[in-house]
Amino acid sequence: MKSKVTKLFIGEYKTALTDGHRVAIPKAYRDQFGTNSIIITRGYEGCLVVVEKDKFNALLEGVLDIPFISGDKRETSRFLLSNAFEVSIDAQGRVIIPDSLSNYATLSSKDVVFIGVGSWIEIWNGQTWEQYQTKLSMNSNEIANRLLAIKRA
């Protein structure tokens, strides 16, 4: 069954983090939100993941339906949920990134990157994102072939 993506977050936007860990969400993304309440949590590869509150369960698809007795389910749930925060977008389109998340993603005041990844947004340390993009570019064919193999299985 194909998933239905109603919103499509795309593109890359560079911004800065203030001393109070406040950051402005790019207008192109804010305009797609149907609410001022979002969830920010740890993502993989050292980034943060941002979704609307009502879309958070969809992000967890594939984890929530696995039995509790699975150690992998418990570990993934702990990773994603223990540092998930509901935050509000202020009138200027800014949010405060909780300290634990800012530390996890090593966000610096000068170099924060928002990227749209379809149904969610990621927040990256700028240098980490550049390094990861280089890795993606070098391995894009291999990654595409692995996805093709998964689809065929």
Foldseek 3Di string as FASTA:
>chain_A
DDDDFPDFFFDKDKDFADPQQKTADDPVVVVPDPFQKWKWADDPLLKIKIARPVCVVVVCPPLVPDDPVDPVSVVVCCRGPVGIDIWGQDPRRMTHDDPVSCVSQVAHGHTWMWGTDTRIIIIHGRVSVVVVVVVCVVCVVVVVVVVVVVVVD
